[in-house]
Amino acid sequence: MNAITGWNVTPKEAQEIGERIVCMQQCFNLRMGLVPDRENVMPQRLTVPHKEGGAAGKVPPWQEILKEYWETKDWVNGIPTRRKLAELGLEDLAKEF
């Protein structure tokens, strides 16, 4: 990114920029009516058990994976915490949740 933009962004800063973007997207989706527990579902083709191989007959535990993802991001049930929003400099969005 530095070579393209001329910015002097460290990997840590780039990660924070990406996290801020994802958090803002989630806040927008929530504002537009997204219900995280109900509407964050995987496409049907990813919920059908594998037919062969070591994972034959198995389906990844998508709901558990999603909850772990939210915990890692410091979100509660798909909603960014006020602490996370403040950490990312998005305090204004915290007023909505």
PDB file of N, CA and C in Angstrom:
ATOM      1  N   MET A   1       0.827  -1.178   0.000  1.00  0.00           N
ATOM      2  CA  MET A   1       0.000   0.000   0.000  1.00  0.00           C
ATOM      3  C   MET A   1       0.877   1.248   0.000  1.00  0.00           C
ATOM      4  N   ASN A   2       1.985   1.179   0.707  1.00  0.00           N
ATOM      5  CA  ASN A   2       2.866   2.346   0.756  1.00  0.00           C
ATOM      6  C   ASN A   2       3.379   2.726  -0.628  1.00  0.00           C
ATOM      7  N   ALA A   3       3.754   1.732  -1.439  1.00  0.00           N
ATOM      8  CA  ALA A   3       4.290   2.002  -2.772  1.00  0.00           C
ATOM      9  C   ALA A   3       3.234   2.625  -3.682  1.00  0.00           C
ATOM     10  N   ILE A   4       1.993   2.215  -3.523  1.00  0.00           N
ATOM     11  CA  ILE A   4       0.917   2.714  -4.392  1.00  0.00           C
ATOM     12  C   ILE A   4       0.457   4.103  -3.975  1.00  0.00           C
ATOM     13  N   THR A   5       0.303   4.313  -2.659  1.00  0.00           N
ATOM     14  CA  THR A   5      -0.278   5.566  -2.175  1.00  0.00           C
ATOM     15  C   THR A   5       0.749   6.605  -1.762  1.00  0.00           C
ATOM     16  N   GLY A   6       1.963   6.148  -1.443  1.00  0.00           N
ATOM     17  CA  GLY A   6       2.959   7.074  -0.934  1.00  0.00           C
ATOM     18  C   GLY A   6       2.821   7.298   0.567  1.00  0.00           C
ATOM     19  N   TRP A   7       1.827   6.635   1.174  1.00  0.00           N
ATOM     20  CA  TRP A   7       1.659   6.734   2.615  1.00  0.00           C
ATOM     21  C   TRP A   7       2.741   5.921   3.293  1.00  0.00           C
ATOM     22  N   ASN A   8       2.974   6.220   4.532  1.00  0.00           N
ATOM     23  CA  ASN A   8       3.918   5.444   5.318  1.00  0.00           C
ATOM     24  C   ASN A   8       3.123   4.710   6.407  1.00  0.00           C
ATOM     25  N   VAL A   9       2.388   3.673   5.981  1.00  0.00           N
ATOM     26  CA  VAL A   9       1.502   2.935   6.884  1.00  0.00           C
ATOM     27  C   VAL A   9       2.192   1.654   7.331  1.00  0.00           C
ATOM     28  N   THR A  10       2.221   1.451   8.645  1.00  0.00           N
ATOM     29  CA  THR A  10       2.790   0.214   9.184  1.00  0.00           C
ATOM     30  C   THR A  10       1.757  -0.910   9.049  1.00  0.00           C
ATOM     31  N   PRO A  11       2.188  -2.158   9.114  1.00  0.00           N
ATOM     32  CA  PRO A  11       1.231  -3.269   9.071  1.00  0.00           C
ATOM     33  C   PRO A  11       0.171  -3.168  10.174  1.00  0.00           C
ATOM     34  N   LYS A  12       0.572  -2.732  11.346  1.00  0.00           N
ATOM     35  CA  LYS A  12      -0.389  -2.585  12.451  1.00  0.00           C
ATOM     36  C   LYS A  12      -1.433  -1.516  12.116  1.00  0.00           C
ATOM     37  N   GLU A  13      -0.998  -0.410  11.532  1.00  0.00           N
ATOM     38  CA  GLU A  13      -1.944   0.646  11.146  1.00  0.00           C
ATOM     39  C   GLU A  13      -2.877   0.159  10.048  1.00  0.00           C
ATOM     40  N   ALA A  14      -2.352  -0.604   9.093  1.00  0.00           N
ATOM     41  CA  ALA A  14      -3.179  -1.146   8.020  1.00  0.00           C
ATOM     42  C   ALA A  14      -4.226  -2.103   8.590  1.00  0.00           C
ATOM     43  N   GLN A  15      -3.841  -2.896   9.570  1.00  0.00           N
ATOM     44  CA  GLN A  15      -4.783  -3.815  10.207  1.00  0.00           C
ATOM     45  C   GLN A  15      -5.885  -3.034  10.915  1.00  0.00           C
ATOM     46  N   GLU A  16      -5.515  -1.972  11.600  1.00  0.00           N
ATOM     47  CA  GLU A  16      -6.511  -1.154  12.297  1.00  0.00           C
ATOM     48  C   GLU A  16      -7.458  -0.481  11.303  1.00  0.00           C
ATOM     49  N   ILE A  17      -6.939  -0.030  10.177  1.00  0.00           N
ATOM     50  CA  ILE A  17      -7.790   0.567   9.141  1.00  0.00           C
ATOM     51  C   ILE A  17      -8.807  -0.477   8.664  1.00  0.00           C
ATOM     52  N   GLY A  18      -8.341  -1.692   8.401  1.00  0.00           N
ATOM     53  CA  GLY A  18      -9.236  -2.756   7.960  1.00  0.00           C
ATOM     54  C   GLY A  18     -10.276  -3.081   9.007  1.00  0.00           C
ATOM     55  N   GLU A  19      -9.864  -3.138  10.271  1.00  0.00           N
ATOM     56  CA  GLU A  19     -10.809  -3.432  11.347  1.00  0.00           C
ATOM     57  C   GLU A  19     -11.859  -2.325  11.471  1.00  0.00           C
ATOM     58  N   ARG A  20     -11.425  -1.080  11.312  1.00  0.00           N
ATOM     59  CA  ARG A  20     -12.359   0.045  11.361  1.00  0.00           C
ATOM     60  C   ARG A  20     -13.389  -0.067  10.226  1.00  0.00           C
ATOM     61  N   ILE A  21     -12.938  -0.456   9.040  1.00  0.00           N
ATOM     62  CA  ILE A  21     -13.840  -0.603   7.901  1.00  0.00           C
ATOM     63  C   ILE A  21     -14.879  -1.688   8.169  1.00  0.00           C
ATOM     64  N   VAL A  22     -14.426  -2.847   8.645  1.00  0.00           N
ATOM     65  CA  VAL A  22     -15.348  -3.956   8.925  1.00  0.00           C
ATOM     66  C   VAL A  22     -16.357  -3.557   9.996  1.00  0.00           C
ATOM     67  N   CYS A  23     -15.882  -2.861  11.013  1.00  0.00           N
ATOM     68  CA  CYS A  23     -16.760  -2.419  12.100  1.00  0.00           C
ATOM     69  C   CYS A  23     -17.803  -1.423  11.584  1.00  0.00           C
ATOM     70  N   MET A  24     -17.377  -0.501  10.733  1.00  0.00           N
ATOM     71  CA  MET A  24     -18.315   0.463  10.165  1.00  0.00           C
ATOM     72  C   MET A  24     -19.339  -0.227   9.265  1.00  0.00           C
ATOM     73  N   GLN A  25     -18.902  -1.224   8.505  1.00  0.00           N
ATOM     74  CA  GLN A  25     -19.836  -1.980   7.670  1.00  0.00           C
ATOM     75  C   GLN A  25     -20.885  -2.668   8.530  1.00  0.00           C
ATOM     76  N   GLN A  26     -20.455  -3.276   9.622  1.00  0.00           N
ATOM     77  CA  GLN A  26     -21.393  -3.971  10.498  1.00  0.00           C
ATOM     78  C   GLN A  26     -22.371  -2.982  11.118  1.00  0.00           C
ATOM     79  N   CYS A  27     -21.879  -1.830  11.543  1.00  0.00           N
ATOM     80  CA  CYS A  27     -22.765  -0.807  12.116  1.00  0.00           C
ATOM     81  C   CYS A  27     -23.784  -0.336  11.083  1.00  0.00           C
ATOM     82  N   PHE A  28     -23.351  -0.166   9.842  1.00  0.00           N
ATOM     83  CA  PHE A  28     -24.281   0.231   8.779  1.00  0.00           C
ATOM     84  C   PHE A  28     -25.343  -0.849   8.591  1.00  0.00           C
ATOM     85  N   ASN A  29     -24.912  -2.103   8.520  1.00  0.00           N
ATOM     86  CA  ASN A  29     -25.862  -3.200   8.340  1.00  0.00           C
ATOM     87  C   ASN A  29     -26.857  -3.274   9.493  1.00  0.00           C
ATOM     88  N   LEU A  30     -26.375  -3.065  10.710  1.00  0.00           N
ATOM     89  CA  LEU A  30     -27.271  -3.065  11.864  1.00  0.00           C
ATOM     90  C   LEU A  30     -28.275  -1.924  11.763  1.00  0.00           C
ATOM     91  N   ARG A  31     -27.800  -0.757  11.362  1.00  0.00           N
ATOM     92  CA  ARG A  31     -28.690   0.401  11.210  1.00  0.00           C
ATOM     93  C   ARG A  31     -29.763   0.134  10.146  1.00  0.00           C
ATOM     94  N   MET A  32     -29.412  -0.645   9.130  1.00  0.00           N
ATOM     95  CA  MET A  32     -30.353  -0.966   8.054  1.00  0.00           C
ATOM     96  C   MET A  32     -31.272  -2.147   8.393  1.00  0.00           C
ATOM     97  N   GLY A  33     -31.130  -2.669   9.618  1.00  0.00           N
ATOM     98  CA  GLY A  33     -32.064  -3.689  10.065  1.00  0.00           C
ATOM     99  C   GLY A  33     -31.541  -5.110  10.139  1.00  0.00           C
ATOM    100  N   LEU A  34     -30.257  -5.315   9.932  1.00  0.00           N
ATOM    101  CA  LEU A  34     -29.701  -6.662  10.035  1.00  0.00           C
ATOM    102  C   LEU A  34     -29.901  -7.206  11.448  1.00  0.00           C
ATOM    103  N   VAL A  35     -30.354  -8.438  11.528  1.00  0.00           N
ATOM    104  CA  VAL A  35     -30.460  -9.139  12.811  1.00  0.00           C
ATOM    105  C   VAL A  35     -29.363 -10.204  12.784  1.00  0.00           C
ATOM    106  N   PRO A  36     -28.220  -9.949  13.439  1.00  0.00           N
ATOM    107  CA  PRO A  36     -27.041 -10.801  13.284  1.00  0.00           C
ATOM    108  C   PRO A  36     -27.267 -12.286  13.527  1.00  0.00           C
ATOM    109  N   ASP A  37     -27.954 -12.653  14.610  1.00  0.00           N
ATOM    110  CA  ASP A  37     -28.135 -14.075  14.905  1.00  0.00           C
ATOM    111  C   ASP A  37     -28.987 -14.782  13.855  1.00  0.00           C
ATOM    112  N   ARG A  38     -29.893 -14.071  13.242  1.00  0.00           N
ATOM    113  CA  ARG A  38     -30.820 -14.679  12.291  1.00  0.00           C
ATOM    114  C   ARG A  38     -30.349 -14.556  10.845  1.00  0.00           C
ATOM    115  N   GLU A  39     -29.656 -13.491  10.519  1.00  0.00           N
ATOM    116  CA  GLU A  39     -29.367 -13.216   9.120  1.00  0.00           C
ATOM    117  C   GLU A  39     -27.933 -13.511   8.691  1.00  0.00           C
ATOM    118  N   ASN A  40     -27.063 -13.831   9.613  1.00  0.00           N
ATOM    119  CA  ASN A  40     -25.705 -14.220   9.239  1.00  0.00           C
ATOM    120  C   ASN A  40     -25.695 -15.730   9.030  1.00  0.00           C
ATOM    121  N   VAL A  41     -26.127 -16.144   7.876  1.00  0.00           N
ATOM    122  CA  VAL A  41     -26.203 -17.574   7.573  1.00  0.00           C
ATOM    123  C   VAL A  41     -25.325 -17.876   6.366  1.00  0.00           C
ATOM    124  N   MET A  42     -24.882 -19.102   6.313  1.00  0.00           N
ATOM    125  CA  MET A  42     -24.034 -19.531   5.201  1.00  0.00           C
ATOM    126  C   MET A  42     -24.916 -20.002   4.051  1.00  0.00           C
ATOM    127  N   PRO A  43     -24.435 -19.892   2.821  1.00  0.00           N
ATOM    128  CA  PRO A  43     -25.187 -20.410   1.677  1.00  0.00           C
ATOM    129  C   PRO A  43     -25.416 -21.915   1.843  1.00  0.00           C
ATOM    130  N   GLN A  44     -26.514 -22.398   1.306  1.00  0.00           N
ATOM    131  CA  GLN A  44     -26.885 -23.797   1.470  1.00  0.00           C
ATOM    132  C   GLN A  44     -25.773 -24.750   1.012  1.00  0.00           C
ATOM    133  N   ARG A  45     -25.059 -24.397  -0.044  1.00  0.00           N
ATOM    134  CA  ARG A  45     -24.018 -25.289  -0.550  1.00  0.00           C
ATOM    135  C   ARG A  45     -22.902 -25.505   0.467  1.00  0.00           C
ATOM    136  N   LEU A  46     -22.774 -24.612   1.453  1.00  0.00           N
ATOM    137  CA  LEU A  46     -21.760 -24.768   2.491  1.00  0.00           C
ATOM    138  C   LEU A  46     -22.297 -25.471   3.733  1.00  0.00           C
ATOM    139  N   THR A  47     -23.592 -25.765   3.739  1.00  0.00           N
ATOM    140  CA  THR A  47     -24.185 -26.412   4.906  1.00  0.00           C
ATOM    141  C   THR A  47     -24.579 -27.859   4.614  1.00  0.00           C
ATOM    142  N   VAL A  48     -24.237 -28.336   3.433  1.00  0.00           N
ATOM    143  CA  VAL A  48     -24.516 -29.725   3.062  1.00  0.00           C
ATOM    144  C   VAL A  48     -23.294 -30.567   3.445  1.00  0.00           C
ATOM    145  N   PRO A  49     -23.525 -31.724   4.081  1.00  0.00           N
ATOM    146  CA  PRO A  49     -22.379 -32.557   4.477  1.00  0.00           C
ATOM    147  C   PRO A  49     -21.518 -32.947   3.277  1.00  0.00           C
ATOM    148  N   HIS A  50     -20.211 -33.004   3.505  1.00  0.00           N
ATOM    149  CA  HIS A  50     -19.280 -33.433   2.463  1.00  0.00           C
ATOM    150  C   HIS A  50     -19.582 -34.885   2.106  1.00  0.00           C
ATOM    151  N   LYS A  51     -19.407 -35.241   0.829  1.00  0.00           N
ATOM    152  CA  LYS A  51     -19.734 -36.596   0.368  1.00  0.00           C
ATOM    153  C   LYS A  51     -18.570 -37.563   0.497  1.00  0.00           C
ATOM    154  N   GLU A  52     -17.354 -37.049   0.485  1.00  0.00           N
ATOM    155  CA  GLU A  52     -16.195 -37.945   0.552  1.00  0.00           C
ATOM    156  C   GLU A  52     -15.040 -37.262   1.246  1.00  0.00           C
ATOM    157  N   GLY A  53     -13.999 -38.035   1.499  1.00  0.00           N
ATOM    158  CA  GLY A  53     -12.811 -37.502   2.147  1.00  0.00           C
ATOM    159  C   GLY A  53     -12.907 -37.571   3.661  1.00  0.00           C
ATOM    160  N   GLY A  54     -11.941 -36.969   4.315  1.00  0.00           N
ATOM    161  CA  GLY A  54     -11.872 -37.015   5.767  1.00  0.00           C
ATOM    162  C   GLY A  54     -13.022 -36.313   6.464  1.00  0.00           C
ATOM    163  N   ALA A  55     -13.688 -35.409   5.766  1.00  0.00           N
ATOM    164  CA  ALA A  55     -14.816 -34.677   6.353  1.00  0.00           C
ATOM    165  C   ALA A  55     -16.158 -35.230   5.875  1.00  0.00           C
ATOM    166  N   ALA A  56     -16.156 -36.434   5.311  1.00  0.00           N
ATOM    167  CA  ALA A  56     -17.393 -37.021   4.786  1.00  0.00           C
ATOM    168  C   ALA A  56     -18.452 -37.063   5.882  1.00  0.00           C
ATOM    169  N   GLY A  57     -19.650 -36.596   5.522  1.00  0.00           N
ATOM    170  CA  GLY A  57     -20.777 -36.607   6.449  1.00  0.00           C
ATOM    171  C   GLY A  57     -20.763 -35.486   7.459  1.00  0.00           C
ATOM    172  N   LYS A  58     -19.811 -34.582   7.355  1.00  0.00           N
ATOM    173  CA  LYS A  58     -19.689 -33.506   8.340  1.00  0.00           C
ATOM    174  C   LYS A  58     -19.983 -32.147   7.714  1.00  0.00           C
ATOM    175  N   VAL A  59     -20.443 -31.243   8.557  1.00  0.00           N
ATOM    176  CA  VAL A  59     -20.691 -29.851   8.166  1.00  0.00           C
ATOM    177  C   VAL A  59     -19.969 -28.978   9.187  1.00  0.00           C
ATOM    178  N   PRO A  60     -19.230 -27.969   8.741  1.00  0.00           N
ATOM    179  CA  PRO A  60     -18.565 -27.085   9.706  1.00  0.00           C
ATOM    180  C   PRO A  60     -19.589 -26.449  10.653  1.00  0.00           C
ATOM    181  N   PRO A  61     -19.246 -26.273  11.914  1.00  0.00           N
ATOM    182  CA  PRO A  61     -20.167 -25.668  12.885  1.00  0.00           C
ATOM    183  C   PRO A  61     -20.223 -24.148  12.707  1.00  0.00           C
ATOM    184  N   TRP A  62     -20.950 -23.698  11.683  1.00  0.00           N
ATOM    185  CA  TRP A  62     -20.918 -22.288  11.294  1.00  0.00           C
ATOM    186  C   TRP A  62     -21.344 -21.339  12.412  1.00  0.00           C
ATOM    187  N   GLN A  63     -22.352 -21.684  13.177  1.00  0.00           N
ATOM    188  CA  GLN A  63     -22.796 -20.788  14.249  1.00  0.00           C
ATOM    189  C   GLN A  63     -21.711 -20.628  15.314  1.00  0.00           C
ATOM    190  N   GLU A  64     -21.023 -21.720  15.641  1.00  0.00           N
ATOM    191  CA  GLU A  64     -19.921 -21.642  16.604  1.00  0.00           C
ATOM    192  C   GLU A  64     -18.773 -20.796  16.046  1.00  0.00           C
ATOM    193  N   ILE A  65     -18.477 -20.989  14.772  1.00  0.00           N
ATOM    194  CA  ILE A  65     -17.420 -20.214  14.119  1.00  0.00           C
ATOM    195  C   ILE A  65     -17.767 -18.728  14.136  1.00  0.00           C
ATOM    196  N   LEU A  66     -19.025 -18.406  13.843  1.00  0.00           N
ATOM    197  CA  LEU A  66     -19.471 -17.016  13.829  1.00  0.00           C
ATOM    198  C   LEU A  66     -19.363 -16.400  15.212  1.00  0.00           C
ATOM    199  N   LYS A  67     -19.793 -17.117  16.236  1.00  0.00           N
ATOM    200  CA  LYS A  67     -19.709 -16.591  17.600  1.00  0.00           C
ATOM    201  C   LYS A  67     -18.256 -16.371  18.026  1.00  0.00           C
ATOM    202  N   GLU A  68     -17.371 -17.280  17.643  1.00  0.00           N
ATOM    203  CA  GLU A  68     -15.946 -17.116  17.968  1.00  0.00           C
ATOM    204  C   GLU A  68     -15.371 -15.896  17.234  1.00  0.00           C
ATOM    205  N   TYR A  69     -15.790 -15.701  15.978  1.00  0.00           N
ATOM    206  CA  TYR A  69     -15.359 -14.529  15.204  1.00  0.00           C
ATOM    207  C   TYR A  69     -15.792 -13.253  15.914  1.00  0.00           C
ATOM    208  N   TRP A  70     -17.057 -13.202  16.358  1.00  0.00           N
ATOM    209  CA  TRP A  70     -17.558 -12.026  17.063  1.00  0.00           C
ATOM    210  C   TRP A  70     -16.779 -11.781  18.343  1.00  0.00           C
ATOM    211  N   GLU A  71     -16.492 -12.831  19.088  1.00  0.00           N
ATOM    212  CA  GLU A  71     -15.734 -12.665  20.332  1.00  0.00           C
ATOM    213  C   GLU A  71     -14.346 -12.110  20.041  1.00  0.00           C
ATOM    214  N   THR A  72     -13.716 -12.614  18.980  1.00  0.00           N
ATOM    215  CA  THR A  72     -12.388 -12.148  18.592  1.00  0.00           C
ATOM    216  C   THR A  72     -12.402 -10.668  18.232  1.00  0.00           C
ATOM    217  N   LYS A  73     -13.482 -10.196  17.614  1.00  0.00           N
ATOM    218  CA  LYS A  73     -13.600  -8.800  17.205  1.00  0.00           C
ATOM    219  C   LYS A  73     -14.058  -7.893  18.348  1.00  0.00           C
ATOM    220  N   ASP A  74     -14.410  -8.490  19.511  1.00  0.00           N
ATOM    221  CA  ASP A  74     -14.964  -7.760  20.649  1.00  0.00           C
ATOM    222  C   ASP A  74     -16.354  -7.220  20.313  1.00  0.00           C
ATOM    223  N   TRP A  75     -17.154  -8.095  19.715  1.00  0.00           N
ATOM    224  CA  TRP A  75     -18.559  -7.810  19.428  1.00  0.00           C
ATOM    225  C   TRP A  75     -19.393  -8.751  20.274  1.00  0.00           C
ATOM    226  N   VAL A  76     -20.577  -8.337  20.665  1.00  0.00           N
ATOM    227  CA  VAL A  76     -21.497  -9.183  21.421  1.00  0.00           C
ATOM    228  C   VAL A  76     -22.687  -9.487  20.522  1.00  0.00           C
ATOM    229  N   ASN A  77     -22.852 -10.759  20.192  1.00  0.00           N
ATOM    230  CA  ASN A  77     -23.948 -11.199  19.313  1.00  0.00           C
ATOM    231  C   ASN A  77     -24.003 -10.407  18.010  1.00  0.00           C
ATOM    232  N   GLY A  78     -22.844 -10.103  17.460  1.00  0.00           N
ATOM    233  CA  GLY A  78     -22.772  -9.406  16.182  1.00  0.00           C
ATOM    234  C   GLY A  78     -22.823  -7.892  16.268  1.00  0.00           C
ATOM    235  N   ILE A  79     -22.844  -7.363  17.480  1.00  0.00           N
ATOM    236  CA  ILE A  79     -22.911  -5.910  17.672  1.00  0.00           C
ATOM    237  C   ILE A  79     -21.600  -5.437  18.302  1.00  0.00           C
ATOM    238  N   PRO A  80     -20.884  -4.538  17.635  1.00  0.00           N
ATOM    239  CA  PRO A  80     -19.627  -4.031  18.201  1.00  0.00           C
ATOM    240  C   PRO A  80     -19.867  -3.392  19.569  1.00  0.00           C
ATOM    241  N   THR A  81     -18.991  -3.674  20.512  1.00  0.00           N
ATOM    242  CA  THR A  81     -19.129  -3.081  21.844  1.00  0.00           C
ATOM    243  C   THR A  81     -18.726  -1.607  21.801  1.00  0.00           C
ATOM    244  N   ARG A  82     -19.217  -0.862  22.766  1.00  0.00           N
ATOM    245  CA  ARG A  82     -18.834   0.555  22.868  1.00  0.00           C
ATOM    246  C   ARG A  82     -17.320   0.677  23.037  1.00  0.00           C
ATOM    247  N   ARG A  83     -16.744  -0.249  23.794  1.00  0.00           N
ATOM    248  CA  ARG A  83     -15.293  -0.247  24.007  1.00  0.00           C
ATOM    249  C   ARG A  83     -14.551  -0.391  22.686  1.00  0.00           C
ATOM    250  N   LYS A  84     -15.001  -1.317  21.820  1.00  0.00           N
ATOM    251  CA  LYS A  84     -14.347  -1.538  20.520  1.00  0.00           C
ATOM    252  C   LYS A  84     -14.512  -0.317  19.635  1.00  0.00           C
ATOM    253  N   LEU A  85     -15.714   0.256  19.605  1.00  0.00           N
ATOM    254  CA  LEU A  85     -15.948   1.444  18.783  1.00  0.00           C
ATOM    255  C   LEU A  85     -15.061   2.600  19.248  1.00  0.00           C
ATOM    256  N   ALA A  86     -14.936   2.782  20.556  1.00  0.00           N
ATOM    257  CA  ALA A  86     -14.075   3.844  21.083  1.00  0.00           C
ATOM    258  C   ALA A  86     -12.616   3.573  20.734  1.00  0.00           C
ATOM    259  N   GLU A  87     -12.206   2.321  20.835  1.00  0.00           N
ATOM    260  CA  GLU A  87     -10.826   1.936  20.519  1.00  0.00           C
ATOM    261  C   GLU A  87     -10.479   2.270  19.069  1.00  0.00           C
ATOM    262  N   LEU A  88     -11.465   2.157  18.189  1.00  0.00           N
ATOM    263  CA  LEU A  88     -11.240   2.415  16.764  1.00  0.00           C
ATOM    264  C   LEU A  88     -11.535   3.868  16.371  1.00  0.00           C
ATOM    265  N   GLY A  89     -11.864   4.696  17.354  1.00  0.00           N
ATOM    266  CA  GLY A  89     -12.156   6.104  17.060  1.00  0.00           C
ATOM    267  C   GLY A  89     -13.516   6.308  16.430  1.00  0.00           C
ATOM    268  N   LEU A  90     -14.432   5.395  16.723  1.00  0.00           N
ATOM    269  CA  LEU A  90     -15.780   5.464  16.159  1.00  0.00           C
ATOM    270  C   LEU A  90     -16.816   5.731  17.248  1.00  0.00           C
ATOM    271  N   GLU A  91     -16.485   6.614  18.173  1.00  0.00           N
ATOM    272  CA  GLU A  91     -17.363   6.905  19.308  1.00  0.00           C
ATOM    273  C   GLU A  91     -18.753   7.344  18.879  1.00  0.00           C
ATOM    274  N   ASP A  92     -18.847   8.084  17.772  1.00  0.00           N
ATOM    275  CA  ASP A  92     -20.149   8.567  17.314  1.00  0.00           C
ATOM    276  C   ASP A  92     -21.085   7.401  16.996  1.00  0.00           C
ATOM    277  N   LEU A  93     -20.562   6.308  16.501  1.00  0.00           N
ATOM    278  CA  LEU A  93     -21.392   5.148  16.201  1.00  0.00           C
ATOM    279  C   LEU A  93     -21.867   4.458  17.479  1.00  0.00           C
ATOM    280  N   ALA A  94     -21.113   4.610  18.567  1.00  0.00           N
ATOM    281  CA  ALA A  94     -21.469   3.959  19.823  1.00  0.00           C
ATOM    282  C   ALA A  94     -22.783   4.488  20.368  1.00  0.00           C
ATOM    283  N   LYS A  95     -23.158   5.692  20.000  1.00  0.00           N
ATOM    284  CA  LYS A  95     -24.411   6.277  20.488  1.00  0.00           C
ATOM    285  C   LYS A  95     -25.636   5.522  19.970  1.00  0.00           C
ATOM    286  N   GLU A  96     -25.464   4.807  18.855  1.00  0.00           N
ATOM    287  CA  GLU A  96     -26.596   4.118  18.246  1.00  0.00           C
ATOM    288  C   GLU A  96     -26.844   2.744  18.845  1.00  0.00           C
ATOM    289  N   PHE A  97     -25.874   2.207  19.588  1.00  0.00           N
ATOM    290  CA  PHE A  97     -26.008   0.827  20.071  1.00  0.00           C
ATOM    291  C   PHE A  97     -25.955   0.765  21.576  1.00  0.00           C
TER     292      PHE A  97
END
